[in-house]
Amino acid sequence: MQSKPHDSARSGHWPKVRAEHLATHPACEVCGHVGEKVNVHHILPFHLHPNLELDPKNLVTLCEDEDFVNCHLFIGHLGNFKGWNPAVVADAADWHVKLVANKARIAKTARGEEK
């Protein structure tokens, strides 16, 4: 996996803010994955906007599930950890709708209801 470019020092309050965010938003906003491989992603990168590091409105949950898709890398960083996606929230919502619809189509096909 690509390394993340900026190892800026985190606030001592970050663990608490991260835990609070995951308590209310435990699932990946794209694929719905819940578990150890979820990441609290900063919408605006905290290395560029350190004043927003702890702002709950600047956080979104994305997964790093290597068995399905790494939503953090592909939606949060557009495939490259050196970049970021300013439209991450809208893109996460759009892809969530597509993935749910695809899952429903697959289930219908498996039941023989759709070809």
N, C-alpha and C. Protein backbone atom coordinates (compact mmCIF):
# COMPACT_ATOMS: atom_id res chain seq x y z
N MET A 1 0.84 -1.17 0.00
CA MET A 1 0.00 0.00 0.00
C MET A 1 0.89 1.24 0.00
N GLN A 2 0.40 2.30 -0.63
CA GLN A 2 1.15 3.54 -0.65
C GLN A 2 1.30 4.11 0.74
N SER A 3 2.42 4.76 0.99
CA SER A 3 2.57 5.43 2.27
C SER A 3 1.86 6.77 2.21
N LYS A 4 1.45 7.24 3.35
CA LYS A 4 0.76 8.51 3.44
C LYS A 4 1.82 9.60 3.54
N PRO A 5 1.64 10.71 2.82
CA PRO A 5 2.72 11.67 2.64
C PRO A 5 3.06 12.55 3.83
N HIS A 6 2.10 12.82 4.65
CA HIS A 6 2.33 13.82 5.68
C HIS A 6 2.13 13.23 7.06
N ASP A 7 3.21 13.11 7.78
CA ASP A 7 3.13 12.59 9.14
C ASP A 7 3.15 13.77 10.12
N SER A 8 2.22 14.69 9.95
CA SER A 8 2.11 15.83 10.84
C SER A 8 1.73 15.35 12.23
N ALA A 9 2.23 16.04 13.22
CA ALA A 9 1.92 15.68 14.61
C ALA A 9 0.43 15.90 14.87
N ARG A 10 -0.18 14.92 15.46
CA ARG A 10 -1.60 15.01 15.81
C ARG A 10 -1.76 15.69 17.16
N SER A 11 -2.90 16.31 17.32
CA SER A 11 -3.27 16.89 18.61
C SER A 11 -3.44 15.77 19.62
N GLY A 12 -3.16 16.04 20.87
CA GLY A 12 -3.40 15.07 21.93
C GLY A 12 -4.88 14.75 22.10
N HIS A 13 -5.74 15.60 21.55
CA HIS A 13 -7.19 15.38 21.62
C HIS A 13 -7.70 14.49 20.49
N TRP A 14 -6.86 14.22 19.49
CA TRP A 14 -7.29 13.45 18.33
C TRP A 14 -7.88 12.08 18.69
N PRO A 15 -7.26 11.27 19.56
CA PRO A 15 -7.85 9.95 19.86
C PRO A 15 -9.30 10.04 20.36
N LYS A 16 -9.59 11.04 21.18
CA LYS A 16 -10.94 11.21 21.70
C LYS A 16 -11.90 11.64 20.58
N VAL A 17 -11.48 12.59 19.76
CA VAL A 17 -12.33 13.05 18.66
C VAL A 17 -12.58 11.92 17.67
N ARG A 18 -11.55 11.15 17.37
CA ARG A 18 -11.68 10.01 16.46
C ARG A 18 -12.67 8.99 17.03
N ALA A 19 -12.53 8.66 18.30
CA ALA A 19 -13.42 7.68 18.94
C ALA A 19 -14.87 8.18 18.94
N GLU A 20 -15.06 9.46 19.22
CA GLU A 20 -16.42 10.03 19.22
C GLU A 20 -17.02 9.98 17.82
N HIS A 21 -16.21 10.27 16.82
CA HIS A 21 -16.70 10.22 15.45
C HIS A 21 -17.12 8.79 15.08
N LEU A 22 -16.27 7.82 15.41
CA LEU A 22 -16.58 6.42 15.08
C LEU A 22 -17.77 5.89 15.87
N ALA A 23 -18.02 6.44 17.06
CA ALA A 23 -19.18 6.02 17.84
C ALA A 23 -20.48 6.43 17.15
N THR A 24 -20.47 7.57 16.49
CA THR A 24 -21.68 8.05 15.81
C THR A 24 -21.70 7.75 14.32
N HIS A 25 -20.54 7.46 13.74
CA HIS A 25 -20.41 7.17 12.31
C HIS A 25 -19.49 5.96 12.12
N PRO A 26 -19.93 4.76 12.54
CA PRO A 26 -19.03 3.61 12.53
C PRO A 26 -18.80 2.98 11.15
N ALA A 27 -19.66 3.28 10.19
CA ALA A 27 -19.60 2.61 8.88
C ALA A 27 -18.96 3.50 7.82
N CYS A 28 -18.28 2.86 6.89
CA CYS A 28 -17.73 3.57 5.74
C CYS A 28 -18.89 4.23 5.00
N GLU A 29 -18.74 5.50 4.70
CA GLU A 29 -19.80 6.25 4.02
C GLU A 29 -20.00 5.80 2.57
N VAL A 30 -19.02 5.07 2.03
CA VAL A 30 -19.14 4.59 0.65
C VAL A 30 -19.77 3.21 0.60
N CYS A 31 -19.13 2.24 1.24
CA CYS A 31 -19.55 0.85 1.08
C CYS A 31 -20.26 0.26 2.30
N GLY A 32 -20.27 0.97 3.41
CA GLY A 32 -20.95 0.49 4.60
C GLY A 32 -20.12 -0.43 5.48
N HIS A 33 -18.86 -0.66 5.11
CA HIS A 33 -18.00 -1.54 5.90
C HIS A 33 -17.90 -1.02 7.34
N VAL A 34 -17.99 -1.94 8.29
CA VAL A 34 -17.83 -1.63 9.71
C VAL A 34 -16.75 -2.57 10.25
N GLY A 35 -15.89 -2.06 11.08
CA GLY A 35 -14.87 -2.93 11.66
C GLY A 35 -13.56 -2.22 11.87
N GLU A 36 -12.54 -3.03 12.02
CA GLU A 36 -11.22 -2.47 12.33
C GLU A 36 -10.63 -1.63 11.22
N LYS A 37 -10.99 -1.89 9.99
CA LYS A 37 -10.36 -1.22 8.86
C LYS A 37 -11.09 0.04 8.42
N VAL A 38 -11.70 0.75 9.37
CA VAL A 38 -12.30 2.04 9.03
C VAL A 38 -11.35 3.15 9.44
N ASN A 39 -11.42 4.23 8.70
CA ASN A 39 -10.52 5.36 8.90
C ASN A 39 -11.34 6.62 9.05
N VAL A 40 -10.98 7.46 9.98
CA VAL A 40 -11.61 8.78 10.09
C VAL A 40 -10.78 9.72 9.22
N HIS A 41 -11.38 10.10 8.12
CA HIS A 41 -10.70 10.89 7.08
C HIS A 41 -11.05 12.37 7.25
N HIS A 42 -10.05 13.22 7.08
CA HIS A 42 -10.28 14.66 7.09
C HIS A 42 -10.70 15.11 5.69
N ILE A 43 -11.82 15.78 5.60
CA ILE A 43 -12.33 16.27 4.32
C ILE A 43 -11.32 17.26 3.74
N LEU A 44 -10.96 18.25 4.51
CA LEU A 44 -9.85 19.13 4.16
C LEU A 44 -8.65 18.64 4.93
N PRO A 45 -7.55 18.29 4.26
CA PRO A 45 -6.40 17.66 4.92
C PRO A 45 -5.90 18.48 6.11
N PHE A 46 -5.66 17.77 7.20
CA PHE A 46 -5.26 18.51 8.40
C PHE A 46 -3.85 19.06 8.30
N HIS A 47 -3.01 18.51 7.43
CA HIS A 47 -1.67 19.08 7.28
C HIS A 47 -1.73 20.44 6.56
N LEU A 48 -2.82 20.70 5.84
CA LEU A 48 -3.02 22.01 5.20
C LEU A 48 -3.95 22.91 6.01
N HIS A 49 -4.82 22.29 6.81
CA HIS A 49 -5.80 23.03 7.61
C HIS A 49 -5.75 22.51 9.05
N PRO A 50 -4.64 22.74 9.76
CA PRO A 50 -4.52 22.19 11.12
C PRO A 50 -5.60 22.69 12.07
N ASN A 51 -6.18 23.84 11.78
CA ASN A 51 -7.25 24.36 12.63
C ASN A 51 -8.53 23.52 12.53
N LEU A 52 -8.63 22.67 11.50
CA LEU A 52 -9.81 21.82 11.31
C LEU A 52 -9.59 20.38 11.73
N GLU A 53 -8.42 20.07 12.28
CA GLU A 53 -8.11 18.69 12.64
C GLU A 53 -9.17 18.07 13.55
N LEU A 54 -9.66 18.82 14.51
CA LEU A 54 -10.60 18.28 15.50
C LEU A 54 -12.05 18.66 15.24
N ASP A 55 -12.32 19.32 14.12
CA ASP A 55 -13.67 19.77 13.79
C ASP A 55 -14.50 18.59 13.27
N PRO A 56 -15.55 18.20 13.98
CA PRO A 56 -16.37 17.06 13.54
C PRO A 56 -16.96 17.23 12.14
N LYS A 57 -17.16 18.48 11.70
CA LYS A 57 -17.72 18.73 10.37
C LYS A 57 -16.68 18.48 9.27
N ASN A 58 -15.42 18.29 9.65
CA ASN A 58 -14.36 18.04 8.69
C ASN A 58 -13.98 16.56 8.63
N LEU A 59 -14.83 15.69 9.17
CA LEU A 59 -14.51 14.26 9.25
C LEU A 59 -15.54 13.42 8.51
N VAL A 60 -15.06 12.36 7.91
CA VAL A 60 -15.93 11.39 7.24
C VAL A 60 -15.29 10.01 7.44
N THR A 61 -16.11 8.99 7.63
CA THR A 61 -15.61 7.63 7.82
C THR A 61 -15.47 6.94 6.46
N LEU A 62 -14.26 6.45 6.20
CA LEU A 62 -13.97 5.69 4.99
C LEU A 62 -13.19 4.45 5.38
N CYS A 63 -13.35 3.36 4.63
CA CYS A 63 -12.66 2.13 5.00
C CYS A 63 -11.36 1.96 4.23
N GLU A 64 -10.54 1.07 4.77
CA GLU A 64 -9.31 0.65 4.10
C GLU A 64 -9.36 -0.86 3.94
N ASP A 65 -10.52 -1.36 3.51
CA ASP A 65 -10.76 -2.79 3.36
C ASP A 65 -10.11 -3.29 2.07
N GLU A 66 -9.03 -4.00 2.20
CA GLU A 66 -8.30 -4.47 1.04
C GLU A 66 -8.99 -5.65 0.35
N ASP A 67 -9.97 -6.28 1.00
CA ASP A 67 -10.68 -7.40 0.38
C ASP A 67 -11.75 -6.94 -0.61
N PHE A 68 -12.21 -5.71 -0.48
CA PHE A 68 -13.26 -5.20 -1.36
C PHE A 68 -12.70 -4.01 -2.15
N VAL A 69 -12.70 -2.87 -1.55
CA VAL A 69 -12.13 -1.68 -2.17
C VAL A 69 -11.65 -0.78 -1.04
N ASN A 70 -10.57 -0.09 -1.25
CA ASN A 70 -10.03 0.83 -0.26
C ASN A 70 -10.68 2.20 -0.51
N CYS A 71 -11.84 2.42 0.11
CA CYS A 71 -12.59 3.66 -0.11
C CYS A 71 -11.79 4.88 0.35
N HIS A 72 -10.99 4.73 1.40
CA HIS A 72 -10.16 5.83 1.87
C HIS A 72 -9.22 6.30 0.76
N LEU A 73 -8.54 5.34 0.12
CA LEU A 73 -7.60 5.70 -0.95
C LEU A 73 -8.33 6.20 -2.19
N PHE A 74 -9.36 5.46 -2.64
CA PHE A 74 -9.96 5.80 -3.93
C PHE A 74 -10.94 6.96 -3.88
N ILE A 75 -11.73 7.08 -2.84
CA ILE A 75 -12.69 8.19 -2.76
C ILE A 75 -12.08 9.37 -2.00
N GLY A 76 -11.39 9.09 -0.89
CA GLY A 76 -10.82 10.17 -0.08
C GLY A 76 -9.62 10.84 -0.72
N HIS A 77 -8.82 10.05 -1.46
CA HIS A 77 -7.58 10.60 -2.03
C HIS A 77 -7.50 10.43 -3.55
N LEU A 78 -8.59 10.00 -4.17
CA LEU A 78 -8.65 9.83 -5.63
C LEU A 78 -7.51 8.98 -6.16
N GLY A 79 -7.19 7.92 -5.38
CA GLY A 79 -6.20 6.95 -5.83
C GLY A 79 -4.76 7.25 -5.51
N ASN A 80 -4.49 8.37 -4.86
CA ASN A 80 -3.11 8.74 -4.54
C ASN A 80 -3.09 9.49 -3.21
N PHE A 81 -2.41 8.92 -2.21
CA PHE A 81 -2.39 9.54 -0.89
C PHE A 81 -1.74 10.92 -0.87
N LYS A 82 -1.07 11.31 -1.94
CA LYS A 82 -0.51 12.68 -1.99
C LYS A 82 -1.58 13.70 -2.33
N GLY A 83 -2.74 13.24 -2.79
CA GLY A 83 -3.82 14.14 -3.14
C GLY A 83 -4.99 14.02 -2.18
N TRP A 84 -6.04 14.77 -2.45
CA TRP A 84 -7.26 14.69 -1.65
C TRP A 84 -8.43 15.07 -2.54
N ASN A 85 -9.60 14.67 -2.11
CA ASN A 85 -10.82 14.88 -2.88
C ASN A 85 -11.69 15.91 -2.17
N PRO A 86 -11.75 17.13 -2.67
CA PRO A 86 -12.58 18.14 -2.01
C PRO A 86 -14.07 17.82 -2.06
N ALA A 87 -14.48 16.89 -2.93
CA ALA A 87 -15.88 16.49 -3.04
C ALA A 87 -16.12 15.13 -2.39
N VAL A 88 -15.31 14.76 -1.41
CA VAL A 88 -15.36 13.42 -0.82
C VAL A 88 -16.74 13.07 -0.26
N VAL A 89 -17.41 13.99 0.38
CA VAL A 89 -18.71 13.69 0.98
C VAL A 89 -19.75 13.40 -0.10
N ALA A 90 -19.82 14.24 -1.12
CA ALA A 90 -20.77 14.02 -2.22
C ALA A 90 -20.42 12.75 -2.98
N ASP A 91 -19.14 12.53 -3.25
CA ASP A 91 -18.73 11.33 -3.98
C ASP A 91 -19.03 10.06 -3.17
N ALA A 92 -18.81 10.11 -1.87
CA ALA A 92 -19.12 8.96 -1.01
C ALA A 92 -20.61 8.64 -1.07
N ALA A 93 -21.44 9.67 -1.01
CA ALA A 93 -22.90 9.45 -1.08
C ALA A 93 -23.30 8.88 -2.44
N ASP A 94 -22.74 9.42 -3.52
CA ASP A 94 -23.06 8.93 -4.86
C ASP A 94 -22.66 7.46 -5.02
N TRP A 95 -21.46 7.12 -4.60
CA TRP A 95 -21.00 5.74 -4.74
C TRP A 95 -21.75 4.80 -3.82
N HIS A 96 -22.17 5.28 -2.66
CA HIS A 96 -22.97 4.45 -1.76
C HIS A 96 -24.27 4.02 -2.44
N VAL A 97 -24.95 4.97 -3.09
CA VAL A 97 -26.19 4.67 -3.80
C VAL A 97 -25.93 3.64 -4.90
N LYS A 98 -24.84 3.81 -5.65
CA LYS A 98 -24.52 2.88 -6.73
C LYS A 98 -24.23 1.48 -6.20
N LEU A 99 -23.48 1.39 -5.11
CA LEU A 99 -23.13 0.09 -4.55
C LEU A 99 -24.35 -0.63 -3.98
N VAL A 100 -25.25 0.11 -3.33
CA VAL A 100 -26.48 -0.49 -2.80
C VAL A 100 -27.35 -1.00 -3.95
N ALA A 101 -27.48 -0.20 -5.01
CA ALA A 101 -28.28 -0.62 -6.17
C ALA A 101 -27.66 -1.85 -6.83
N ASN A 102 -26.35 -1.89 -6.93
CA ASN A 102 -25.68 -3.03 -7.53
C ASN A 102 -25.88 -4.29 -6.69
N LYS A 103 -25.80 -4.13 -5.39
CA LYS A 103 -26.02 -5.28 -4.49
C LYS A 103 -27.44 -5.82 -4.67
N ALA A 104 -28.42 -4.92 -4.83
CA ALA A 104 -29.81 -5.35 -5.04
C ALA A 104 -29.96 -6.07 -6.37
N ARG A 105 -29.31 -5.57 -7.44
CA ARG A 105 -29.36 -6.24 -8.75
C ARG A 105 -28.76 -7.63 -8.67
N ILE A 106 -27.63 -7.76 -7.97
CA ILE A 106 -26.97 -9.05 -7.82
C ILE A 106 -27.89 -10.03 -7.09
N ALA A 107 -28.54 -9.56 -6.04
CA ALA A 107 -29.44 -10.43 -5.27
C ALA A 107 -30.63 -10.87 -6.12
N LYS A 108 -31.21 -9.95 -6.91
CA LYS A 108 -32.33 -10.30 -7.78
C LYS A 108 -31.91 -11.32 -8.82
N THR A 109 -30.74 -11.12 -9.37
CA THR A 109 -30.23 -12.07 -10.37
C THR A 109 -30.03 -13.44 -9.75
N ALA A 110 -29.48 -13.47 -8.54
CA ALA A 110 -29.25 -14.75 -7.86
C ALA A 110 -30.57 -15.47 -7.58
N ARG A 111 -31.64 -14.71 -7.37
CA ARG A 111 -32.96 -15.32 -7.13
C ARG A 111 -33.69 -15.62 -8.43
N GLY A 112 -33.08 -15.29 -9.57
CA GLY A 112 -33.69 -15.54 -10.86
C GLY A 112 -34.73 -14.53 -11.26
N GLU A 113 -34.75 -13.38 -10.61
CA GLU A 113 -35.77 -12.36 -10.88
C GLU A 113 -35.33 -11.37 -11.97
N GLU A 114 -34.05 -11.34 -12.28
CA GLU A 114 -33.55 -10.37 -13.26
C GLU A 114 -32.46 -11.03 -14.08
N LYS A 115 -32.45 -10.73 -15.35
CA LYS A 115 -31.42 -11.29 -16.24
C LYS A 115 -30.71 -10.21 -16.96
